[in-house]
Amino acid sequence: EPARGTQSTGQSGERKELPRGCLMTNS
């Protein structure tokens, strides 16, 4: 998903890889 905000890329122009799943569901 985007690194920051709602844009498709972060300031570096690269997408940030996040853990799989959902923190709220994991909770």
mmCIF file of all heavy atoms, coordinates in Angstrom:
data_MODEL
# 
_entry.id   MODEL 
# 
loop_
_atom_site.group_PDB 
_atom_site.id 
_atom_site.type_symbol 
_atom_site.label_atom_id 
_atom_site.label_alt_id 
_atom_site.label_comp_id 
_atom_site.label_asym_id 
_atom_site.label_entity_id 
_atom_site.label_seq_id 
_atom_site.pdbx_PDB_ins_code 
_atom_site.Cartn_x 
_atom_site.Cartn_y 
_atom_site.Cartn_z 
_atom_site.occupancy 
_atom_site.B_iso_or_equiv 
_atom_site.pdbx_formal_charge 
_atom_site.auth_seq_id 
_atom_site.auth_comp_id 
_atom_site.auth_asym_id 
_atom_site.auth_atom_id 
_atom_site.pdbx_PDB_model_num 
ATOM 1   N N   . GLU A 1 1  ? 0.853  -1.181  0.000  1.00 0.00 ? 1  GLU A N   1 
ATOM 2   C CA  . GLU A 1 1  ? 0.000  0.000   0.000  1.00 0.00 ? 1  GLU A CA  1 
ATOM 3   C C   . GLU A 1 1  ? 0.890  1.232   0.000  1.00 0.00 ? 1  GLU A C   1 
ATOM 4   O O   . GLU A 1 1  ? 2.093  1.142   0.181  1.00 0.00 ? 1  GLU A O   1 
ATOM 5   C CB  . GLU A 1 1  ? -0.928 -0.005  1.211  1.00 0.00 ? 1  GLU A CB  1 
ATOM 6   C CG  . GLU A 1 1  ? -0.220 0.139   2.534  1.00 0.00 ? 1  GLU A CG  1 
ATOM 7   C CD  . GLU A 1 1  ? -0.874 1.203   3.406  1.00 0.00 ? 1  GLU A CD  1 
ATOM 8   O OE1 . GLU A 1 1  ? -2.021 1.554   3.159  1.00 0.00 ? 1  GLU A OE1 1 
ATOM 9   O OE2 . GLU A 1 1  ? -0.205 1.697   4.296  1.00 0.00 ? 1  GLU A OE2 1 
ATOM 10  N N   . PRO A 1 2  ? 0.309  2.427   -0.231 1.00 0.00 ? 2  PRO A N   1 
ATOM 11  C CA  . PRO A 1 2  ? 1.125  3.631   -0.252 1.00 0.00 ? 2  PRO A CA  1 
ATOM 12  C C   . PRO A 1 2  ? 1.902  3.838   1.034  1.00 0.00 ? 2  PRO A C   1 
ATOM 13  O O   . PRO A 1 2  ? 1.429  3.511   2.119  1.00 0.00 ? 2  PRO A O   1 
ATOM 14  C CB  . PRO A 1 2  ? 0.094  4.747   -0.472 1.00 0.00 ? 2  PRO A CB  1 
ATOM 15  C CG  . PRO A 1 2  ? -1.053 4.065   -1.141 1.00 0.00 ? 2  PRO A CG  1 
ATOM 16  C CD  . PRO A 1 2  ? -1.089 2.689   -0.552 1.00 0.00 ? 2  PRO A CD  1 
ATOM 17  N N   . ALA A 1 3  ? 3.102  4.411   0.915  1.00 0.00 ? 3  ALA A N   1 
ATOM 18  C CA  . ALA A 1 3  ? 3.936  4.639   2.089  1.00 0.00 ? 3  ALA A CA  1 
ATOM 19  C C   . ALA A 1 3  ? 3.345  5.694   3.000  1.00 0.00 ? 3  ALA A C   1 
ATOM 20  O O   . ALA A 1 3  ? 3.399  5.584   4.211  1.00 0.00 ? 3  ALA A O   1 
ATOM 21  C CB  . ALA A 1 3  ? 5.347  5.055   1.647  1.00 0.00 ? 3  ALA A CB  1 
ATOM 22  N N   . ARG A 1 4  ? 2.769  6.741   2.447  1.00 0.00 ? 4  ARG A N   1 
ATOM 23  C CA  . ARG A 1 4  ? 2.183  7.813   3.247  1.00 0.00 ? 4  ARG A CA  1 
ATOM 24  C C   . ARG A 1 4  ? 0.893  8.278   2.593  1.00 0.00 ? 4  ARG A C   1 
ATOM 25  O O   . ARG A 1 4  ? 0.757  8.288   1.383  1.00 0.00 ? 4  ARG A O   1 
ATOM 26  C CB  . ARG A 1 4  ? 3.123  9.019   3.334  1.00 0.00 ? 4  ARG A CB  1 
ATOM 27  C CG  . ARG A 1 4  ? 4.421  8.724   4.063  1.00 0.00 ? 4  ARG A CG  1 
ATOM 28  C CD  . ARG A 1 4  ? 4.199  8.671   5.566  1.00 0.00 ? 4  ARG A CD  1 
ATOM 29  N NE  . ARG A 1 4  ? 5.443  8.474   6.278  1.00 0.00 ? 4  ARG A NE  1 
ATOM 30  C CZ  . ARG A 1 4  ? 5.524  8.327   7.585  1.00 0.00 ? 4  ARG A CZ  1 
ATOM 31  N NH1 . ARG A 1 4  ? 4.445  8.352   8.315  1.00 0.00 ? 4  ARG A NH1 1 
ATOM 32  N NH2 . ARG A 1 4  ? 6.689  8.158   8.170  1.00 0.00 ? 4  ARG A NH2 1 
ATOM 33  N N   . GLY A 1 5  ? -0.040 8.713   3.446  1.00 0.00 ? 5  GLY A N   1 
ATOM 34  C CA  . GLY A 1 5  ? -1.253 9.336   2.935  1.00 0.00 ? 5  GLY A CA  1 
ATOM 35  C C   . GLY A 1 5  ? -2.060 8.401   2.063  1.00 0.00 ? 5  GLY A C   1 
ATOM 36  O O   . GLY A 1 5  ? -2.071 7.189   2.230  1.00 0.00 ? 5  GLY A O   1 
ATOM 37  N N   . THR A 1 6  ? -2.752 8.963   1.076  1.00 0.00 ? 6  THR A N   1 
ATOM 38  C CA  . THR A 1 6  ? -3.617 8.190   0.206  1.00 0.00 ? 6  THR A CA  1 
ATOM 39  C C   . THR A 1 6  ? -3.078 8.107   -1.207 1.00 0.00 ? 6  THR A C   1 
ATOM 40  O O   . THR A 1 6  ? -3.751 7.627   -2.101 1.00 0.00 ? 6  THR A O   1 
ATOM 41  C CB  . THR A 1 6  ? -5.031 8.822   0.160  1.00 0.00 ? 6  THR A CB  1 
ATOM 42  O OG1 . THR A 1 6  ? -4.907 10.178  -0.316 1.00 0.00 ? 6  THR A OG1 1 
ATOM 43  C CG2 . THR A 1 6  ? -5.652 8.848   1.539  1.00 0.00 ? 6  THR A CG2 1 
ATOM 44  N N   . GLN A 1 7  ? -1.862 8.600   -1.424 1.00 0.00 ? 7  GLN A N   1 
ATOM 45  C CA  . GLN A 1 7  ? -1.304 8.537   -2.754 1.00 0.00 ? 7  GLN A CA  1 
ATOM 46  C C   . GLN A 1 7  ? -0.744 7.153   -3.021 1.00 0.00 ? 7  GLN A C   1 
ATOM 47  O O   . GLN A 1 7  ? -0.519 6.351   -2.127 1.00 0.00 ? 7  GLN A O   1 
ATOM 48  C CB  . GLN A 1 7  ? -0.185 9.586   -2.909 1.00 0.00 ? 7  GLN A CB  1 
ATOM 49  C CG  . GLN A 1 7  ? -0.668 11.006  -2.695 1.00 0.00 ? 7  GLN A CG  1 
ATOM 50  C CD  . GLN A 1 7  ? -1.771 11.389  -3.651 1.00 0.00 ? 7  GLN A CD  1 
ATOM 51  O OE1 . GLN A 1 7  ? -1.654 11.164  -4.841 1.00 0.00 ? 7  GLN A OE1 1 
ATOM 52  N NE2 . GLN A 1 7  ? -2.838 11.957  -3.136 1.00 0.00 ? 7  GLN A NE2 1 
ATOM 53  N N   . SER A 1 8  ? -0.462 6.842   -4.281 1.00 0.00 ? 8  SER A N   1 
ATOM 54  C CA  . SER A 1 8  ? -0.006 5.512   -4.648 1.00 0.00 ? 8  SER A CA  1 
ATOM 55  C C   . SER A 1 8  ? 1.455  5.287   -4.314 1.00 0.00 ? 8  SER A C   1 
ATOM 56  O O   . SER A 1 8  ? 1.918  4.161   -4.275 1.00 0.00 ? 8  SER A O   1 
ATOM 57  C CB  . SER A 1 8  ? -0.209 5.291   -6.154 1.00 0.00 ? 8  SER A CB  1 
ATOM 58  O OG  . SER A 1 8  ? 0.518  6.252   -6.892 1.00 0.00 ? 8  SER A OG  1 
ATOM 59  N N   . THR A 1 9  ? 2.207  6.355   -4.079 1.00 0.00 ? 9  THR A N   1 
ATOM 60  C CA  . THR A 1 9  ? 3.611  6.212   -3.740 1.00 0.00 ? 9  THR A CA  1 
ATOM 61  C C   . THR A 1 9  ? 3.972  7.163   -2.617 1.00 0.00 ? 9  THR A C   1 
ATOM 62  O O   . THR A 1 9  ? 3.269  8.128   -2.353 1.00 0.00 ? 9  THR A O   1 
ATOM 63  C CB  . THR A 1 9  ? 4.524  6.542   -4.947 1.00 0.00 ? 9  THR A CB  1 
ATOM 64  O OG1 . THR A 1 9  ? 4.284  7.887   -5.358 1.00 0.00 ? 9  THR A OG1 1 
ATOM 65  C CG2 . THR A 1 9  ? 4.256  5.594   -6.091 1.00 0.00 ? 9  THR A CG2 1 
ATOM 66  N N   . GLY A 1 10 ? 5.091  6.902   -1.967 1.00 0.00 ? 10 GLY A N   1 
ATOM 67  C CA  . GLY A 1 10 ? 5.588  7.788   -0.930 1.00 0.00 ? 10 GLY A CA  1 
ATOM 68  C C   . GLY A 1 10 ? 6.460  8.857   -1.537 1.00 0.00 ? 10 GLY A C   1 
ATOM 69  O O   . GLY A 1 10 ? 6.544  9.018   -2.755 1.00 0.00 ? 10 GLY A O   1 
ATOM 70  N N   . GLN A 1 11 ? 7.175  9.599   -0.684 1.00 0.00 ? 11 GLN A N   1 
ATOM 71  C CA  . GLN A 1 11 ? 8.006  10.687  -1.159 1.00 0.00 ? 11 GLN A CA  1 
ATOM 72  C C   . GLN A 1 11 ? 9.114  10.187  -2.072 1.00 0.00 ? 11 GLN A C   1 
ATOM 73  O O   . GLN A 1 11 ? 9.547  10.874  -2.977 1.00 0.00 ? 11 GLN A O   1 
ATOM 74  C CB  . GLN A 1 11 ? 8.599  11.432  0.043  1.00 0.00 ? 11 GLN A CB  1 
ATOM 75  C CG  . GLN A 1 11 ? 7.555  12.186  0.849  1.00 0.00 ? 11 GLN A CG  1 
ATOM 76  C CD  . GLN A 1 11 ? 8.160  12.893  2.033  1.00 0.00 ? 11 GLN A CD  1 
ATOM 77  O OE1 . GLN A 1 11 ? 9.327  12.717  2.361  1.00 0.00 ? 11 GLN A OE1 1 
ATOM 78  N NE2 . GLN A 1 11 ? 7.370  13.722  2.683  1.00 0.00 ? 11 GLN A NE2 1 
ATOM 79  N N   . SER A 1 12 ? 9.551  8.947   -1.832 1.00 0.00 ? 12 SER A N   1 
ATOM 80  C CA  . SER A 1 12 ? 10.616 8.385   -2.651 1.00 0.00 ? 12 SER A CA  1 
ATOM 81  C C   . SER A 1 12 ? 10.104 7.819   -3.962 1.00 0.00 ? 12 SER A C   1 
ATOM 82  O O   . SER A 1 12 ? 10.881 7.422   -4.817 1.00 0.00 ? 12 SER A O   1 
ATOM 83  C CB  . SER A 1 12 ? 11.317 7.260   -1.884 1.00 0.00 ? 12 SER A CB  1 
ATOM 84  O OG  . SER A 1 12 ? 10.408 6.190   -1.655 1.00 0.00 ? 12 SER A OG  1 
ATOM 85  N N   . GLY A 1 13 ? 8.784  7.768   -4.132 1.00 0.00 ? 13 GLY A N   1 
ATOM 86  C CA  . GLY A 1 13 ? 8.208  7.208   -5.343 1.00 0.00 ? 13 GLY A CA  1 
ATOM 87  C C   . GLY A 1 13 ? 8.078  5.702   -5.293 1.00 0.00 ? 13 GLY A C   1 
ATOM 88  O O   . GLY A 1 13 ? 7.681  5.085   -6.267 1.00 0.00 ? 13 GLY A O   1 
ATOM 89  N N   . GLU A 1 14 ? 8.369  5.091   -4.121 1.00 0.00 ? 14 GLU A N   1 
ATOM 90  C CA  . GLU A 1 14 ? 8.289  3.652   -3.993 1.00 0.00 ? 14 GLU A CA  1 
ATOM 91  C C   . GLU A 1 14 ? 7.151  3.287   -3.052 1.00 0.00 ? 14 GLU A C   1 
ATOM 92  O O   . GLU A 1 14 ? 6.850  4.002   -2.113 1.00 0.00 ? 14 GLU A O   1 
ATOM 93  C CB  . GLU A 1 14 ? 9.611  3.093   -3.445 1.00 0.00 ? 14 GLU A CB  1 
ATOM 94  C CG  . GLU A 1 14 ? 10.797 3.327   -4.366 1.00 0.00 ? 14 GLU A CG  1 
ATOM 95  C CD  . GLU A 1 14 ? 12.074 2.779   -3.774 1.00 0.00 ? 14 GLU A CD  1 
ATOM 96  O OE1 . GLU A 1 14 ? 12.032 2.308   -2.614 1.00 0.00 ? 14 GLU A OE1 1 
ATOM 97  O OE2 . GLU A 1 14 ? 13.100 2.819   -4.475 1.00 0.00 ? 14 GLU A OE2 1 
ATOM 98  N N   . ARG A 1 15 ? 6.540  2.134   -3.311 1.00 0.00 ? 15 ARG A N   1 
ATOM 99  C CA  . ARG A 1 15 ? 5.479  1.644   -2.437 1.00 0.00 ? 15 ARG A CA  1 
ATOM 100 C C   . ARG A 1 15 ? 6.087  0.919   -1.256 1.00 0.00 ? 15 ARG A C   1 
ATOM 101 O O   . ARG A 1 15 ? 7.093  0.234   -1.367 1.00 0.00 ? 15 ARG A O   1 
ATOM 102 C CB  . ARG A 1 15 ? 4.560  0.693   -3.219 1.00 0.00 ? 15 ARG A CB  1 
ATOM 103 C CG  . ARG A 1 15 ? 3.745  1.404   -4.287 1.00 0.00 ? 15 ARG A CG  1 
ATOM 104 C CD  . ARG A 1 15 ? 2.972  0.409   -5.134 1.00 0.00 ? 15 ARG A CD  1 
ATOM 105 N NE  . ARG A 1 15 ? 1.957  -0.275  -4.356 1.00 0.00 ? 15 ARG A NE  1 
ATOM 106 C CZ  . ARG A 1 15 ? 0.717  0.167   -4.187 1.00 0.00 ? 15 ARG A CZ  1 
ATOM 107 N NH1 . ARG A 1 15 ? 0.354  1.310   -4.724 1.00 0.00 ? 15 ARG A NH1 1 
ATOM 108 N NH2 . ARG A 1 15 ? -0.157 -0.524  -3.494 1.00 0.00 ? 15 ARG A NH2 1 
ATOM 109 N N   . LYS A 1 16 ? 5.477  1.087   -0.105 1.00 0.00 ? 16 LYS A N   1 
ATOM 110 C CA  . LYS A 1 16 ? 5.981  0.454   1.115  1.00 0.00 ? 16 LYS A CA  1 
ATOM 111 C C   . LYS A 1 16 ? 5.309  -0.900  1.308  1.00 0.00 ? 16 LYS A C   1 
ATOM 112 O O   . LYS A 1 16 ? 4.089  -1.010  1.233  1.00 0.00 ? 16 LYS A O   1 
ATOM 113 C CB  . LYS A 1 16 ? 5.715  1.344   2.314  1.00 0.00 ? 16 LYS A CB  1 
ATOM 114 C CG  . LYS A 1 16 ? 6.128  0.718   3.623  1.00 0.00 ? 16 LYS A CG  1 
ATOM 115 C CD  . LYS A 1 16 ? 5.934  1.655   4.785  1.00 0.00 ? 16 LYS A CD  1 
ATOM 116 C CE  . LYS A 1 16 ? 6.975  2.732   4.812  1.00 0.00 ? 16 LYS A CE  1 
ATOM 117 N NZ  . LYS A 1 16 ? 6.915  3.513   6.069  1.00 0.00 ? 16 LYS A NZ  1 
ATOM 118 N N   . GLU A 1 17 ? 6.125  -1.910  1.562  1.00 0.00 ? 17 GLU A N   1 
ATOM 119 C CA  . GLU A 1 17 ? 5.611  -3.246  1.829  1.00 0.00 ? 17 GLU A CA  1 
ATOM 120 C C   . GLU A 1 17 ? 5.192  -3.338  3.287  1.00 0.00 ? 17 GLU A C   1 
ATOM 121 O O   . GLU A 1 17 ? 5.954  -2.962  4.189  1.00 0.00 ? 17 GLU A O   1 
ATOM 122 C CB  . GLU A 1 17 ? 6.680  -4.283  1.526  1.00 0.00 ? 17 GLU A CB  1 
ATOM 123 C CG  . GLU A 1 17 ? 6.148  -5.698  1.417  1.00 0.00 ? 17 GLU A CG  1 
ATOM 124 C CD  . GLU A 1 17 ? 5.372  -5.957  0.135  1.00 0.00 ? 17 GLU A CD  1 
ATOM 125 O OE1 . GLU A 1 17 ? 5.479  -5.125  -0.779 1.00 0.00 ? 17 GLU A OE1 1 
ATOM 126 O OE2 . GLU A 1 17 ? 4.669  -6.976  0.068  1.00 0.00 ? 17 GLU A OE2 1 
ATOM 127 N N   . LEU A 1 18 ? 3.987  -3.823  3.541  1.00 0.00 ? 18 LEU A N   1 
ATOM 128 C CA  . LEU A 1 18 ? 3.470  -3.934  4.892  1.00 0.00 ? 18 LEU A CA  1 
ATOM 129 C C   . LEU A 1 18 ? 3.263  -5.403  5.244  1.00 0.00 ? 18 LEU A C   1 
ATOM 130 O O   . LEU A 1 18 ? 3.197  -6.259  4.363  1.00 0.00 ? 18 LEU A O   1 
ATOM 131 C CB  . LEU A 1 18 ? 2.149  -3.187  5.017  1.00 0.00 ? 18 LEU A CB  1 
ATOM 132 C CG  . LEU A 1 18 ? 2.215  -1.663  4.932  1.00 0.00 ? 18 LEU A CG  1 
ATOM 133 C CD1 . LEU A 1 18 ? 0.827  -1.081  5.056  1.00 0.00 ? 18 LEU A CD1 1 
ATOM 134 C CD2 . LEU A 1 18 ? 3.122  -1.103  6.026  1.00 0.00 ? 18 LEU A CD2 1 
ATOM 135 N N   . PRO A 1 19 ? 3.141  -5.710  6.544  1.00 0.00 ? 19 PRO A N   1 
ATOM 136 C CA  . PRO A 1 19 ? 2.827  -7.084  6.935  1.00 0.00 ? 19 PRO A CA  1 
ATOM 137 C C   . PRO A 1 19 ? 1.494  -7.516  6.343  1.00 0.00 ? 19 PRO A C   1 
ATOM 138 O O   . PRO A 1 19 ? 0.611  -6.693  6.102  1.00 0.00 ? 19 PRO A O   1 
ATOM 139 C CB  . PRO A 1 19 ? 2.754  -7.010  8.468  1.00 0.00 ? 19 PRO A CB  1 
ATOM 140 C CG  . PRO A 1 19 ? 3.520  -5.788  8.832  1.00 0.00 ? 19 PRO A CG  1 
ATOM 141 C CD  . PRO A 1 19 ? 3.317  -4.822  7.709  1.00 0.00 ? 19 PRO A CD  1 
ATOM 142 N N   . ARG A 1 20 ? 1.351  -8.798  6.111  1.00 0.00 ? 20 ARG A N   1 
ATOM 143 C CA  . ARG A 1 20 ? 0.061  -9.305  5.655  1.00 0.00 ? 20 ARG A CA  1 
ATOM 144 C C   . ARG A 1 20 ? -0.934 -9.297  6.801  1.00 0.00 ? 20 ARG A C   1 
ATOM 145 O O   . ARG A 1 20 ? -0.577 -9.359  7.961  1.00 0.00 ? 20 ARG A O   1 
ATOM 146 C CB  . ARG A 1 20 ? 0.210  -10.730 5.090  1.00 0.00 ? 20 ARG A CB  1 
ATOM 147 C CG  . ARG A 1 20 ? 0.783  -10.756 3.682  1.00 0.00 ? 20 ARG A CG  1 
ATOM 148 C CD  . ARG A 1 20 ? 0.952  -12.158 3.155  1.00 0.00 ? 20 ARG A CD  1 
ATOM 149 N NE  . ARG A 1 20 ? 1.276  -12.090 1.727  1.00 0.00 ? 20 ARG A NE  1 
ATOM 150 C CZ  . ARG A 1 20 ? 0.421  -12.371 0.741  1.00 0.00 ? 20 ARG A CZ  1 
ATOM 151 N NH1 . ARG A 1 20 ? -0.814 -12.744 1.048  1.00 0.00 ? 20 ARG A NH1 1 
ATOM 152 N NH2 . ARG A 1 20 ? 0.786  -12.283 -0.514 1.00 0.00 ? 20 ARG A NH2 1 
ATOM 153 N N   . GLY A 1 21 ? -2.199 -9.233  6.433  1.00 0.00 ? 21 GLY A N   1 
ATOM 154 C CA  . GLY A 1 21 ? -3.249 -9.264  7.428  1.00 0.00 ? 21 GLY A CA  1 
ATOM 155 C C   . GLY A 1 21 ? -3.683 -7.875  7.862  1.00 0.00 ? 21 GLY A C   1 
ATOM 156 O O   . GLY A 1 21 ? -3.410 -6.875  7.208  1.00 0.00 ? 21 GLY A O   1 
ATOM 157 N N   . CYS A 1 22 ? -4.378 -7.815  8.970  1.00 0.00 ? 22 CYS A N   1 
ATOM 158 C CA  . CYS A 1 22 ? -4.979 -6.574  9.474  1.00 0.00 ? 22 CYS A CA  1 
ATOM 159 C C   . CYS A 1 22 ? -4.744 -6.495  10.977 1.00 0.00 ? 22 CYS A C   1 
ATOM 160 O O   . CYS A 1 22 ? -5.031 -7.458  11.709 1.00 0.00 ? 22 CYS A O   1 
ATOM 161 C CB  . CYS A 1 22 ? -6.478 -6.583  9.168  1.00 0.00 ? 22 CYS A CB  1 
ATOM 162 S SG  . CYS A 1 22 ? -7.467 -5.352  10.044 1.00 0.00 ? 22 CYS A SG  1 
ATOM 163 N N   . LEU A 1 23 ? -4.193 -5.393  11.443 1.00 0.00 ? 23 LEU A N   1 
ATOM 164 C CA  . LEU A 1 23 ? -3.898 -5.259  12.871 1.00 0.00 ? 23 LEU A CA  1 
ATOM 165 C C   . LEU A 1 23 ? -5.156 -5.403  13.720 1.00 0.00 ? 23 LEU A C   1 
ATOM 166 O O   . LEU A 1 23 ? -5.130 -6.051  14.777 1.00 0.00 ? 23 LEU A O   1 
ATOM 167 C CB  . LEU A 1 23 ? -3.233 -3.905  13.149 1.00 0.00 ? 23 LEU A CB  1 
ATOM 168 C CG  . LEU A 1 23 ? -2.863 -3.654  14.608 1.00 0.00 ? 23 LEU A CG  1 
ATOM 169 C CD1 . LEU A 1 23 ? -1.775 -4.615  15.068 1.00 0.00 ? 23 LEU A CD1 1 
ATOM 170 C CD2 . LEU A 1 23 ? -2.431 -2.211  14.819 1.00 0.00 ? 23 LEU A CD2 1 
ATOM 171 N N   . MET A 1 24 ? -6.276 -4.822  13.281 1.00 0.00 ? 24 MET A N   1 
ATOM 172 C CA  . MET A 1 24 ? -7.492 -4.885  14.078 1.00 0.00 ? 24 MET A CA  1 
ATOM 173 C C   . MET A 1 24 ? -8.035 -6.310  14.137 1.00 0.00 ? 24 MET A C   1 
ATOM 174 O O   . MET A 1 24 ? -8.467 -6.779  15.194 1.00 0.00 ? 24 MET A O   1 
ATOM 175 C CB  . MET A 1 24 ? -8.548 -3.931  13.518 1.00 0.00 ? 24 MET A CB  1 
ATOM 176 C CG  . MET A 1 24 ? -8.163 -2.467  13.627 1.00 0.00 ? 24 MET A CG  1 
ATOM 177 S SD  . MET A 1 24 ? -7.795 -1.946  15.325 1.00 0.00 ? 24 MET A SD  1 
ATOM 178 C CE  . MET A 1 24 ? -9.421 -2.100  16.066 1.00 0.00 ? 24 MET A CE  1 
ATOM 179 N N   . THR A 1 25 ? -8.007 -7.029  13.007 1.00 0.00 ? 25 THR A N   1 
ATOM 180 C CA  . THR A 1 25 ? -8.455 -8.417  13.022 1.00 0.00 ? 25 THR A CA  1 
ATOM 181 C C   . THR A 1 25 ? -7.519 -9.271  13.868 1.00 0.00 ? 25 THR A C   1 
ATOM 182 O O   . THR A 1 25 ? -7.960 -10.142 14.623 1.00 0.00 ? 25 THR A O   1 
ATOM 183 C CB  . THR A 1 25 ? -8.527 -8.976  11.590 1.00 0.00 ? 25 THR A CB  1 
ATOM 184 O OG1 . THR A 1 25 ? -9.481 -8.217  10.845 1.00 0.00 ? 25 THR A OG1 1 
ATOM 185 C CG2 . THR A 1 25 ? -8.968 -10.428 11.587 1.00 0.00 ? 25 THR A CG2 1 
ATOM 186 N N   . ASN A 1 26 ? -6.208 -9.020  13.762 1.00 0.00 ? 26 ASN A N   1 
ATOM 187 C CA  . ASN A 1 26 ? -5.250 -9.746  14.591 1.00 0.00 ? 26 ASN A CA  1 
ATOM 188 C C   . ASN A 1 26 ? -5.489 -9.509  16.079 1.00 0.00 ? 26 ASN A C   1 
ATOM 189 O O   . ASN A 1 26 ? -5.087 -10.323 16.922 1.00 0.00 ? 26 ASN A O   1 
ATOM 190 C CB  . ASN A 1 26 ? -3.824 -9.332  14.241 1.00 0.00 ? 26 ASN A CB  1 
ATOM 191 C CG  . ASN A 1 26 ? -3.402 -9.782  12.855 1.00 0.00 ? 26 ASN A CG  1 
ATOM 192 O OD1 . ASN A 1 26 ? -4.077 -10.588 12.223 1.00 0.00 ? 26 ASN A OD1 1 
ATOM 193 N ND2 . ASN A 1 26 ? -2.280 -9.265  12.388 1.00 0.00 ? 26 ASN A ND2 1 
ATOM 194 N N   . SER A 1 27 ? -6.139 -8.382  16.397 1.00 0.00 ? 27 SER A N   1 
ATOM 195 C CA  . SER A 1 27 ? -6.384 -8.033  17.800 1.00 0.00 ? 27 SER A CA  1 
ATOM 196 C C   . SER A 1 27 ? -7.578 -8.785  18.380 1.00 0.00 ? 27 SER A C   1 
ATOM 197 O O   . SER A 1 27 ? -7.845 -8.680  19.581 1.00 0.00 ? 27 SER A O   1 
ATOM 198 C CB  . SER A 1 27 ? -6.608 -6.519  17.929 1.00 0.00 ? 27 SER A CB  1 
ATOM 199 O OG  . SER A 1 27 ? -5.461 -5.797  17.518 1.00 0.00 ? 27 SER A OG  1 
# 
